[in-house]
Amino acid sequence: MTQEIGQFLGYIGAERGFTAKTVEAYRHDLGKFSEFATGELGGAWQSGDVDQHTIRAYMQFLADKGNAAVSRGRKLATLKSFFKYLLSEDKIKSDPVAQVRMPKIQQKEPSYLTEQEYKRLLKVVKNNATKYFKLRDTAIITMLLGTGLRLNELVQMNIGDVNFEDNTIKVTRKGNQERILPTSEEVLIVIQRYLRTREGVLLHEPLFLSKRNKRIDTASVWHLVKKYLKQAQIEKEKLSPHTLRHTFATTLLKQGENLLTIKQLLSHKNLRTTERYLHINGEDLKAAVDKIDLQ
């Protein structure tokens, strides 16, 4: 079984183009399932010994341990991919996961910032950041708000990925796919201001550096975003760098952009994912009704 897991991980990394981080997540999930299966089926179990009952027992085991529906769904998706691969390679005769349904996940309304809030956030960064990091942090927050990038997409960018001539950025998205996206003049201006503080700038160098002059990591960006949100006294149920991505999508929607345009900018595969941003609150509804002129 260990050999089959290794072959699968090699397949998704080399042929499917999954990132190292994603491959490691699959490795972790399959390792946990392997531990459970050993307890259920014995130490000498083979992939062909796994059936629907084993998978459902694992899902129940996860639920009893307090794993949320989202977490159980991710682990089940890993198993679906793994056993589908084994079936395609003729290593098993039937797929034990094919008939197991994904857990029902209650979609929560994404947390986003109002125009007043995100402008207050930008002001706080400019006023509170240390002199050394002010231009860098302003550029990071502005890019997240103005492009809708995911956190890992932002930290992976190099200087050469920003094209100042045609106002575009090159982004490596999920599945290691490169996309050329338009960006605003305002975003490019703050990036240029930040880059002027760098010496001997080369195109292959990371766009954003840490205090040790290395590529900034996701944990550092997460921390600084949370810090500035707290300083701006913005209180939501859940705040993270992804909140700024939600804000980007919501702002476009409120400006009248259609869902298909927003879908392309966010690189969503399914329009249903983009439809999550149709979280119009009560004030928006009231404002919409008030615009109706009946006289």
C-alpha atoms as a PDB file:
ATOM      1  CA  MET A   1       0.000   0.000   0.000  1.00  0.00           C
ATOM      2  CA  THR A   2       2.858   2.352   0.802  1.00  0.00           C
ATOM      3  CA  GLN A   3       4.230   1.795  -2.698  1.00  0.00           C
ATOM      4  CA  GLU A   4       0.855   2.601  -4.301  1.00  0.00           C
ATOM      5  CA  ILE A   5       0.580   5.806  -2.287  1.00  0.00           C
ATOM      6  CA  GLY A   6       4.068   6.790  -3.428  1.00  0.00           C
ATOM      7  CA  GLN A   7       3.179   6.113  -7.067  1.00  0.00           C
ATOM      8  CA  PHE A   8       0.002   8.166  -6.756  1.00  0.00           C
ATOM      9  CA  LEU A   9       1.827  11.099  -5.187  1.00  0.00           C
ATOM     10  CA  GLY A  10       4.390  10.961  -7.975  1.00  0.00           C
ATOM     11  CA  TYR A  11       1.573  10.967 -10.528  1.00  0.00           C
ATOM     12  CA  ILE A  12      -0.239  14.032  -9.154  1.00  0.00           C
ATOM     13  CA  GLY A  13       3.059  15.888  -8.762  1.00  0.00           C
ATOM     14  CA  ALA A  14       4.657  15.084 -12.113  1.00  0.00           C
ATOM     15  CA  GLU A  15       1.708  14.523 -14.453  1.00  0.00           C
ATOM     16  CA  ARG A  16      -1.073  16.542 -12.879  1.00  0.00           C
ATOM     17  CA  GLY A  17       1.196  19.436 -11.917  1.00  0.00           C
ATOM     18  CA  PHE A  18       0.045  19.683  -8.290  1.00  0.00           C
ATOM     19  CA  THR A  19       2.160  21.913  -6.071  1.00  0.00           C
ATOM     20  CA  ALA A  20       4.484  20.432  -3.449  1.00  0.00           C
ATOM     21  CA  LYS A  21       2.187  21.779  -0.729  1.00  0.00           C
ATOM     22  CA  THR A  22      -0.835  20.026  -2.245  1.00  0.00           C
ATOM     23  CA  VAL A  23       1.078  16.761  -2.695  1.00  0.00           C
ATOM     24  CA  GLU A  24       2.102  16.915   0.960  1.00  0.00           C
ATOM     25  CA  ALA A  25      -1.538  17.431   1.988  1.00  0.00           C
ATOM     26  CA  TYR A  26      -2.527  14.327  -0.020  1.00  0.00           C
ATOM     27  CA  ARG A  27       0.328  12.400   1.608  1.00  0.00           C
ATOM     28  CA  HIS A  28      -0.896  13.383   5.065  1.00  0.00           C
ATOM     29  CA  ASP A  29      -4.530  12.430   4.336  1.00  0.00           C
ATOM     30  CA  LEU A  30      -3.601   9.068   2.830  1.00  0.00           C
ATOM     31  CA  GLY A  31      -1.297   8.354   5.750  1.00  0.00           C
ATOM     32  CA  LYS A  32      -4.119   8.932   8.223  1.00  0.00           C
ATOM     33  CA  PHE A  33      -6.452   6.673   6.242  1.00  0.00           C
ATOM     34  CA  SER A  34      -3.755   4.001   6.066  1.00  0.00           C
ATOM     35  CA  GLU A  35      -3.456   4.062   9.868  1.00  0.00           C
ATOM     36  CA  PHE A  36      -7.222   3.649  10.220  1.00  0.00           C
ATOM     37  CA  ALA A  37      -7.369   0.845   7.630  1.00  0.00           C
ATOM     38  CA  THR A  38      -4.609  -1.043   9.451  1.00  0.00           C
ATOM     39  CA  GLY A  39      -6.736  -1.042  12.578  1.00  0.00           C
ATOM     40  CA  GLU A  40      -9.838  -2.100  10.663  1.00  0.00           C
ATOM     41  CA  LEU A  41      -8.386  -4.646   8.215  1.00  0.00           C
ATOM     42  CA  GLY A  42      -5.176  -5.788   9.850  1.00  0.00           C
ATOM     43  CA  GLY A  43      -1.522  -5.077   9.143  1.00  0.00           C
ATOM     44  CA  ALA A  44      -1.350  -6.991   5.856  1.00  0.00           C
ATOM     45  CA  TRP A  45      -4.279  -5.236   4.159  1.00  0.00           C
ATOM     46  CA  GLN A  46      -4.182  -4.420   0.448  1.00  0.00           C
ATOM     47  CA  SER A  47      -5.948  -1.670  -1.518  1.00  0.00           C
ATOM     48  CA  GLY A  48      -8.316  -4.273  -2.944  1.00  0.00           C
ATOM     49  CA  ASP A  49      -9.499  -5.103   0.592  1.00  0.00           C
ATOM     50  CA  VAL A  50     -11.047  -1.656   1.009  1.00  0.00           C
ATOM     51  CA  ASP A  51     -14.787  -1.456   0.320  1.00  0.00           C
ATOM     52  CA  GLN A  52     -17.590   1.069   0.860  1.00  0.00           C
ATOM     53  CA  HIS A  53     -18.017  -0.109   4.451  1.00  0.00           C
ATOM     54  CA  THR A  54     -14.369   0.699   5.196  1.00  0.00           C
ATOM     55  CA  ILE A  55     -14.696   4.192   3.704  1.00  0.00           C
ATOM     56  CA  ARG A  56     -17.960   4.915   5.524  1.00  0.00           C
ATOM     57  CA  ALA A  57     -16.496   3.620   8.777  1.00  0.00           C
ATOM     58  CA  TYR A  58     -13.581   6.031   8.297  1.00  0.00           C
ATOM     59  CA  MET A  59     -15.939   8.939   7.677  1.00  0.00           C
ATOM     60  CA  GLN A  60     -17.826   8.063  10.867  1.00  0.00           C
ATOM     61  CA  PHE A  61     -14.534   7.766  12.742  1.00  0.00           C
ATOM     62  CA  LEU A  62     -13.568  11.279  11.621  1.00  0.00           C
ATOM     63  CA  ALA A  63     -16.968  12.662  12.582  1.00  0.00           C
ATOM     64  CA  ASP A  64     -16.744  11.073  16.047  1.00  0.00           C
ATOM     65  CA  LYS A  65     -13.335  12.717  16.484  1.00  0.00           C
ATOM     66  CA  GLY A  66     -14.916  16.098  15.820  1.00  0.00           C
ATOM     67  CA  ASN A  67     -13.704  16.656  12.246  1.00  0.00           C
ATOM     68  CA  ALA A  68     -15.925  19.282  10.608  1.00  0.00           C
ATOM     69  CA  ALA A  69     -17.790  18.530   7.389  1.00  0.00           C
ATOM     70  CA  VAL A  70     -15.279  20.593   5.399  1.00  0.00           C
ATOM     71  CA  SER A  71     -12.371  18.574   6.785  1.00  0.00           C
ATOM     72  CA  ARG A  72     -14.126  15.249   6.192  1.00  0.00           C
ATOM     73  CA  GLY A  73     -14.990  16.341   2.658  1.00  0.00           C
ATOM     74  CA  ARG A  74     -11.363  17.173   1.888  1.00  0.00           C
ATOM     75  CA  LYS A  75     -10.178  13.786   3.182  1.00  0.00           C
ATOM     76  CA  LEU A  76     -12.877  11.986   1.199  1.00  0.00           C
ATOM     77  CA  ALA A  77     -11.911  13.911  -1.943  1.00  0.00           C
ATOM     78  CA  THR A  78      -8.345  12.669  -1.456  1.00  0.00           C
ATOM     79  CA  LEU A  79      -9.567   9.088  -1.224  1.00  0.00           C
ATOM     80  CA  LYS A  80     -11.748   9.528  -4.314  1.00  0.00           C
ATOM     81  CA  SER A  81      -8.746  10.722  -6.321  1.00  0.00           C
ATOM     82  CA  PHE A  82      -6.512   7.955  -4.978  1.00  0.00           C
ATOM     83  CA  PHE A  83      -8.842   5.034  -5.644  1.00  0.00           C
ATOM     84  CA  LYS A  84      -9.853   6.452  -9.026  1.00  0.00           C
ATOM     85  CA  TYR A  85      -6.147   6.422  -9.903  1.00  0.00           C
ATOM     86  CA  LEU A  86      -5.761   2.834  -8.703  1.00  0.00           C
ATOM     87  CA  LEU A  87      -8.752   1.792 -10.805  1.00  0.00           C
ATOM     88  CA  SER A  88      -7.303   3.458 -13.913  1.00  0.00           C
ATOM     89  CA  GLU A  89      -4.037   1.606 -13.315  1.00  0.00           C
ATOM     90  CA  ASP A  90      -5.877  -1.747 -12.963  1.00  0.00           C
ATOM     91  CA  LYS A  91      -4.620  -2.121  -9.411  1.00  0.00           C
ATOM     92  CA  ILE A  92      -8.179  -2.628  -8.076  1.00  0.00           C
ATOM     93  CA  LYS A  93     -11.275  -4.132  -9.691  1.00  0.00           C
ATOM     94  CA  SER A  94     -13.811  -1.615  -8.368  1.00  0.00           C
ATOM     95  CA  ASP A  95     -13.769   1.839  -6.795  1.00  0.00           C
ATOM     96  CA  PRO A  96     -14.859   1.635  -3.125  1.00  0.00           C
ATOM     97  CA  VAL A  97     -15.360   5.393  -2.878  1.00  0.00           C
ATOM     98  CA  ALA A  98     -17.448   5.958  -6.017  1.00  0.00           C
ATOM     99  CA  GLN A  99     -20.801   5.578  -4.261  1.00  0.00           C
ATOM    100  CA  VAL A 100     -19.851   7.389  -1.051  1.00  0.00           C
ATOM    101  CA  ARG A 101     -21.370  10.865  -0.998  1.00  0.00           C
ATOM    102  CA  MET A 102     -19.505  13.955   0.076  1.00  0.00           C
ATOM    103  CA  PRO A 103     -20.644  15.314   3.458  1.00  0.00           C
ATOM    104  CA  LYS A 104     -23.123  18.144   3.200  1.00  0.00           C
ATOM    105  CA  ILE A 105     -21.337  21.396   3.878  1.00  0.00           C
ATOM    106  CA  GLN A 106     -23.308  24.392   5.025  1.00  0.00           C
ATOM    107  CA  GLN A 107     -22.102  27.333   2.965  1.00  0.00           C
ATOM    108  CA  LYS A 108     -21.338  30.290   5.182  1.00  0.00           C
ATOM    109  CA  GLU A 109     -21.510  33.810   3.885  1.00  0.00           C
ATOM    110  CA  PRO A 110     -17.947  34.903   3.061  1.00  0.00           C
ATOM    111  CA  SER A 111     -16.570  37.623   5.274  1.00  0.00           C
ATOM    112  CA  TYR A 112     -15.688  40.809   3.394  1.00  0.00           C
ATOM    113  CA  LEU A 113     -14.877  44.451   4.060  1.00  0.00           C
ATOM    114  CA  THR A 114     -17.054  47.382   3.162  1.00  0.00           C
ATOM    115  CA  GLU A 115     -15.531  50.266   1.211  1.00  0.00           C
ATOM    116  CA  GLN A 116     -15.215  52.275   4.428  1.00  0.00           C
ATOM    117  CA  GLU A 117     -13.468  49.369   6.155  1.00  0.00           C
ATOM    118  CA  TYR A 118     -10.919  48.569   3.461  1.00  0.00           C
ATOM    119  CA  LYS A 119     -10.030  52.238   3.062  1.00  0.00           C
ATOM    120  CA  ARG A 120      -9.537  52.410   6.830  1.00  0.00           C
ATOM    121  CA  LEU A 121      -7.329  49.318   6.609  1.00  0.00           C
ATOM    122  CA  LEU A 122      -5.108  50.919   3.959  1.00  0.00           C
ATOM    123  CA  LYS A 123      -4.856  54.098   6.026  1.00  0.00           C
ATOM    124  CA  VAL A 124      -3.805  52.115   9.099  1.00  0.00           C
ATOM    125  CA  VAL A 125      -1.048  50.349   7.148  1.00  0.00           C
ATOM    126  CA  LYS A 126       0.340  53.661   5.899  1.00  0.00           C
ATOM    127  CA  ASN A 127       0.175  55.239   9.360  1.00  0.00           C
ATOM    128  CA  ASN A 128       1.208  52.325  11.588  1.00  0.00           C
ATOM    129  CA  ALA A 129       3.741  50.298   9.610  1.00  0.00           C
ATOM    130  CA  THR A 130       7.397  50.771  10.481  1.00  0.00           C
ATOM    131  CA  LYS A 131       9.370  52.951   8.084  1.00  0.00           C
ATOM    132  CA  TYR A 132      11.278  49.946   6.728  1.00  0.00           C
ATOM    133  CA  PHE A 133       8.174  47.879   5.941  1.00  0.00           C
ATOM    134  CA  LYS A 134       5.630  50.607   5.145  1.00  0.00           C
ATOM    135  CA  LEU A 135       5.930  50.477   1.345  1.00  0.00           C
ATOM    136  CA  ARG A 136       6.159  46.668   1.279  1.00  0.00           C
ATOM    137  CA  ASP A 137       3.141  46.140   3.524  1.00  0.00           C
ATOM    138  CA  THR A 138       1.127  48.772   1.664  1.00  0.00           C
ATOM    139  CA  ALA A 139       1.907  46.988  -1.597  1.00  0.00           C
ATOM    140  CA  ILE A 140       0.903  43.597  -0.139  1.00  0.00           C
ATOM    141  CA  ILE A 141      -2.450  44.812   1.217  1.00  0.00           C
ATOM    142  CA  THR A 142      -3.168  46.808  -1.945  1.00  0.00           C
ATOM    143  CA  MET A 143      -2.427  43.807  -4.170  1.00  0.00           C
ATOM    144  CA  LEU A 144      -4.674  41.490  -2.151  1.00  0.00           C
ATOM    145  CA  LEU A 145      -7.510  44.016  -2.269  1.00  0.00           C
ATOM    146  CA  GLY A 146      -6.955  45.048  -5.887  1.00  0.00           C
ATOM    147  CA  THR A 147      -6.339  41.688  -7.521  1.00  0.00           C
ATOM    148  CA  GLY A 148      -8.119  39.069  -5.405  1.00  0.00           C
ATOM    149  CA  LEU A 149      -4.987  36.907  -5.240  1.00  0.00           C
ATOM    150  CA  ARG A 150      -4.824  33.927  -2.922  1.00  0.00           C
ATOM    151  CA  LEU A 151      -2.179  34.085  -0.219  1.00  0.00           C
ATOM    152  CA  ASN A 152       0.111  31.451  -1.764  1.00  0.00           C
ATOM    153  CA  GLU A 153      -0.245  33.089  -5.202  1.00  0.00           C
ATOM    154  CA  LEU A 154       1.002  36.375  -3.780  1.00  0.00           C
ATOM    155  CA  VAL A 155       4.085  34.955  -2.070  1.00  0.00           C
ATOM    156  CA  GLN A 156       5.076  32.906  -5.140  1.00  0.00           C
ATOM    157  CA  MET A 157       5.263  35.946  -7.401  1.00  0.00           C
ATOM    158  CA  ASN A 158       8.585  37.189  -8.746  1.00  0.00           C
ATOM    159  CA  ILE A 159       9.390  40.718  -9.876  1.00  0.00           C
ATOM    160  CA  GLY A 160       9.313  39.576 -13.504  1.00  0.00           C
ATOM    161  CA  ASP A 161       5.710  38.448 -13.080  1.00  0.00           C
ATOM    162  CA  VAL A 162       4.616  42.096 -13.006  1.00  0.00           C
ATOM    163  CA  ASN A 163       4.353  43.701 -16.428  1.00  0.00           C
ATOM    164  CA  PHE A 164       4.291  47.462 -15.949  1.00  0.00           C
ATOM    165  CA  GLU A 165       3.895  48.114 -19.677  1.00  0.00           C
ATOM    166  CA  ASP A 166       0.619  46.327 -20.293  1.00  0.00           C
ATOM    167  CA  ASN A 167      -0.757  46.459 -16.708  1.00  0.00           C
ATOM    168  CA  THR A 168      -0.820  42.698 -16.141  1.00  0.00           C
ATOM    169  CA  ILE A 169       0.519  40.193 -13.643  1.00  0.00           C
ATOM    170  CA  LYS A 170       1.424  36.538 -14.157  1.00  0.00           C
ATOM    171  CA  VAL A 171       0.002  34.326 -11.434  1.00  0.00           C
ATOM    172  CA  THR A 172       0.567  30.640 -10.713  1.00  0.00           C
ATOM    173  CA  ARG A 173      -2.833  29.332  -9.707  1.00  0.00           C
ATOM    174  CA  LYS A 174      -4.131  25.991  -8.456  1.00  0.00           C
ATOM    175  CA  GLY A 175      -2.831  23.002 -10.386  1.00  0.00           C
ATOM    176  CA  ASN A 176       0.360  24.947 -11.215  1.00  0.00           C
ATOM    177  CA  GLN A 177      -1.476  26.783 -13.992  1.00  0.00           C
ATOM    178  CA  GLU A 178      -0.171  30.171 -15.058  1.00  0.00           C
ATOM    179  CA  ARG A 179      -2.646  32.964 -15.727  1.00  0.00           C
ATOM    180  CA  ILE A 180      -2.110  36.479 -17.050  1.00  0.00           C
ATOM    181  CA  LEU A 181      -4.441  38.839 -15.212  1.00  0.00           C
ATOM    182  CA  PRO A 182      -5.108  42.550 -15.673  1.00  0.00           C
ATOM    183  CA  THR A 183      -4.385  44.842 -12.777  1.00  0.00           C
ATOM    184  CA  SER A 184      -5.049  48.475 -12.041  1.00  0.00           C
ATOM    185  CA  GLU A 185      -2.697  51.406 -12.370  1.00  0.00           C
ATOM    186  CA  GLU A 186      -3.084  52.052  -8.639  1.00  0.00           C
ATOM    187  CA  VAL A 187      -1.801  48.576  -7.749  1.00  0.00           C
ATOM    188  CA  LEU A 188       1.184  48.957 -10.077  1.00  0.00           C
ATOM    189  CA  ILE A 189       2.081  52.353  -8.607  1.00  0.00           C
ATOM    190  CA  VAL A 190       2.370  51.000  -5.047  1.00  0.00           C
ATOM    191  CA  ILE A 191       4.459  48.064  -6.312  1.00  0.00           C
ATOM    192  CA  GLN A 192       6.820  50.464  -8.109  1.00  0.00           C
ATOM    193  CA  ARG A 193       7.181  52.568  -4.953  1.00  0.00           C
ATOM    194  CA  TYR A 194       8.107  49.476  -2.990  1.00  0.00           C
ATOM    195  CA  LEU A 195      10.588  48.194  -5.602  1.00  0.00           C
ATOM    196  CA  ARG A 196      12.424  51.525  -5.571  1.00  0.00           C
ATOM    197  CA  THR A 197      13.502  50.662  -2.013  1.00  0.00           C
ATOM    198  CA  ARG A 198      15.197  47.478  -3.262  1.00  0.00           C
ATOM    199  CA  GLU A 199      18.792  47.448  -4.493  1.00  0.00           C
ATOM    200  CA  GLY A 200      19.854  45.660  -7.673  1.00  0.00           C
ATOM    201  CA  VAL A 201      16.377  44.425  -8.539  1.00  0.00           C
ATOM    202  CA  LEU A 202      16.392  41.339 -10.794  1.00  0.00           C
ATOM    203  CA  LEU A 203      13.387  39.861 -12.580  1.00  0.00           C
ATOM    204  CA  HIS A 204      13.838  36.374 -11.104  1.00  0.00           C
ATOM    205  CA  GLU A 205      13.873  37.660  -7.513  1.00  0.00           C
ATOM    206  CA  PRO A 206      10.825  37.315  -5.238  1.00  0.00           C
ATOM    207  CA  LEU A 207       8.412  40.221  -5.458  1.00  0.00           C
ATOM    208  CA  PHE A 208       8.061  40.474  -1.679  1.00  0.00           C
ATOM    209  CA  LEU A 209      10.921  39.907   0.746  1.00  0.00           C
ATOM    210  CA  SER A 210      11.012  39.140   4.460  1.00  0.00           C
ATOM    211  CA  LYS A 211      13.135  41.075   6.927  1.00  0.00           C
ATOM    212  CA  ARG A 212      15.894  38.534   6.206  1.00  0.00           C
ATOM    213  CA  ASN A 213      15.756  39.418   2.498  1.00  0.00           C
ATOM    214  CA  LYS A 214      14.296  36.026   1.610  1.00  0.00           C
ATOM    215  CA  ARG A 215      10.984  35.291  -0.110  1.00  0.00           C
ATOM    216  CA  ILE A 216       8.259  36.192   2.362  1.00  0.00           C
ATOM    217  CA  ASP A 217       6.257  33.166   3.498  1.00  0.00           C
ATOM    218  CA  THR A 218       2.512  32.706   3.853  1.00  0.00           C
ATOM    219  CA  ALA A 219       2.643  32.718   7.670  1.00  0.00           C
ATOM    220  CA  SER A 220       4.299  36.155   7.702  1.00  0.00           C
ATOM    221  CA  VAL A 221       1.721  37.651   5.330  1.00  0.00           C
ATOM    222  CA  TRP A 222      -1.088  36.043   7.329  1.00  0.00           C
ATOM    223  CA  HIS A 223       0.291  37.625  10.506  1.00  0.00           C
ATOM    224  CA  LEU A 224       0.703  41.110   9.061  1.00  0.00           C
ATOM    225  CA  VAL A 225      -2.779  41.121   7.498  1.00  0.00           C
ATOM    226  CA  LYS A 226      -4.362  40.031  10.785  1.00  0.00           C
ATOM    227  CA  LYS A 227      -2.305  42.635  12.657  1.00  0.00           C
ATOM    228  CA  TYR A 228      -3.459  45.508  10.468  1.00  0.00           C
ATOM    229  CA  LEU A 229      -7.079  44.350  10.484  1.00  0.00           C
ATOM    230  CA  LYS A 230      -6.974  44.373  14.275  1.00  0.00           C
ATOM    231  CA  GLN A 231      -5.357  47.809  14.350  1.00  0.00           C
ATOM    232  CA  ALA A 232      -8.084  49.077  12.002  1.00  0.00           C
ATOM    233  CA  GLN A 233     -10.622  47.806  14.556  1.00  0.00           C
ATOM    234  CA  ILE A 234     -12.397  45.716  11.933  1.00  0.00           C
ATOM    235  CA  GLU A 235     -14.472  43.032  13.605  1.00  0.00           C
ATOM    236  CA  LYS A 236     -15.924  40.146  11.621  1.00  0.00           C
ATOM    237  CA  GLU A 237     -16.752  36.541  12.428  1.00  0.00           C
ATOM    238  CA  LYS A 238     -13.657  35.393  10.528  1.00  0.00           C
ATOM    239  CA  LEU A 239     -10.793  37.561   9.325  1.00  0.00           C
ATOM    240  CA  SER A 240      -7.842  36.410   7.228  1.00  0.00           C
ATOM    241  CA  PRO A 241      -6.014  37.308   3.994  1.00  0.00           C
ATOM    242  CA  HIS A 242      -8.823  35.482   2.189  1.00  0.00           C
ATOM    243  CA  THR A 243     -11.172  38.175   3.515  1.00  0.00           C
ATOM    244  CA  LEU A 244      -9.425  40.583   1.147  1.00  0.00           C
ATOM    245  CA  ARG A 245     -10.063  38.200  -1.769  1.00  0.00           C
ATOM    246  CA  HIS A 246     -13.739  38.147  -0.810  1.00  0.00           C
ATOM    247  CA  THR A 247     -13.646  41.943  -0.635  1.00  0.00           C
ATOM    248  CA  PHE A 248     -12.226  42.146  -4.175  1.00  0.00           C
ATOM    249  CA  ALA A 249     -15.039  39.966  -5.548  1.00  0.00           C
ATOM    250  CA  THR A 250     -17.738  41.738  -3.566  1.00  0.00           C
ATOM    251  CA  THR A 251     -16.537  45.185  -4.636  1.00  0.00           C
ATOM    252  CA  LEU A 252     -16.632  44.159  -8.301  1.00  0.00           C
ATOM    253  CA  LEU A 253     -20.118  42.762  -7.865  1.00  0.00           C
ATOM    254  CA  LYS A 254     -21.370  45.942  -6.229  1.00  0.00           C
ATOM    255  CA  GLN A 255     -19.873  47.966  -9.091  1.00  0.00           C
ATOM    256  CA  GLY A 256     -22.055  46.037 -11.516  1.00  0.00           C
ATOM    257  CA  GLU A 257     -19.594  43.480 -12.884  1.00  0.00           C
ATOM    258  CA  ASN A 258     -21.200  40.223 -13.963  1.00  0.00           C
ATOM    259  CA  LEU A 259     -20.426  36.886 -12.352  1.00  0.00           C
ATOM    260  CA  LEU A 260     -18.666  35.494 -15.429  1.00  0.00           C
ATOM    261  CA  THR A 261     -16.125  38.334 -15.353  1.00  0.00           C
ATOM    262  CA  ILE A 262     -15.519  37.829 -11.636  1.00  0.00           C
ATOM    263  CA  LYS A 263     -15.228  34.068 -12.208  1.00  0.00           C
ATOM    264  CA  GLN A 264     -12.443  34.624 -14.736  1.00  0.00           C
ATOM    265  CA  LEU A 265     -10.563  37.067 -12.513  1.00  0.00           C
ATOM    266  CA  LEU A 266     -10.687  34.662  -9.565  1.00  0.00           C
ATOM    267  CA  SER A 267      -9.957  31.622 -11.782  1.00  0.00           C
ATOM    268  CA  HIS A 268     -12.885  29.670 -10.413  1.00  0.00           C
ATOM    269  CA  LYS A 269     -13.561  26.431 -12.293  1.00  0.00           C
ATOM    270  CA  ASN A 270     -17.238  26.419 -11.394  1.00  0.00           C
ATOM    271  CA  LEU A 271     -19.648  29.343 -11.526  1.00  0.00           C
ATOM    272  CA  ARG A 272     -21.321  28.005  -8.385  1.00  0.00           C
ATOM    273  CA  THR A 273     -18.175  28.899  -6.453  1.00  0.00           C
ATOM    274  CA  THR A 274     -18.407  32.479  -7.674  1.00  0.00           C
ATOM    275  CA  GLU A 275     -22.099  32.621  -6.758  1.00  0.00           C
ATOM    276  CA  ARG A 276     -21.047  32.505  -3.102  1.00  0.00           C
ATOM    277  CA  TYR A 277     -20.284  36.190  -3.456  1.00  0.00           C
ATOM    278  CA  LEU A 278     -23.948  36.991  -3.967  1.00  0.00           C
ATOM    279  CA  HIS A 279     -24.102  37.663  -0.232  1.00  0.00           C
ATOM    280  CA  ILE A 280     -25.972  40.950  -0.472  1.00  0.00           C
ATOM    281  CA  ASN A 281     -26.759  42.182   3.027  1.00  0.00           C
ATOM    282  CA  GLY A 282     -29.838  43.944   4.285  1.00  0.00           C
ATOM    283  CA  GLU A 283     -28.506  47.453   3.671  1.00  0.00           C
ATOM    284  CA  ASP A 284     -27.714  46.573   0.055  1.00  0.00           C
ATOM    285  CA  LEU A 285     -31.215  45.212  -0.425  1.00  0.00           C
ATOM    286  CA  LYS A 286     -32.774  48.338   1.076  1.00  0.00           C
ATOM    287  CA  ALA A 287     -30.610  50.589  -1.110  1.00  0.00           C
ATOM    288  CA  ALA A 288     -31.636  48.610  -4.196  1.00  0.00           C
ATOM    289  CA  VAL A 289     -35.331  48.961  -3.410  1.00  0.00           C
ATOM    290  CA  ASP A 290     -34.983  52.677  -2.660  1.00  0.00           C
ATOM    291  CA  LYS A 291     -33.600  53.213  -6.177  1.00  0.00           C
ATOM    292  CA  ILE A 292     -36.917  52.168  -7.731  1.00  0.00           C
ATOM    293  CA  ASP A 293     -38.624  55.316  -9.000  1.00  0.00           C
ATOM    294  CA  LEU A 294     -42.387  54.891  -9.191  1.00  0.00           C
ATOM    295  CA  GLN A 295     -43.266  58.529  -9.767  1.00  0.00           C
END
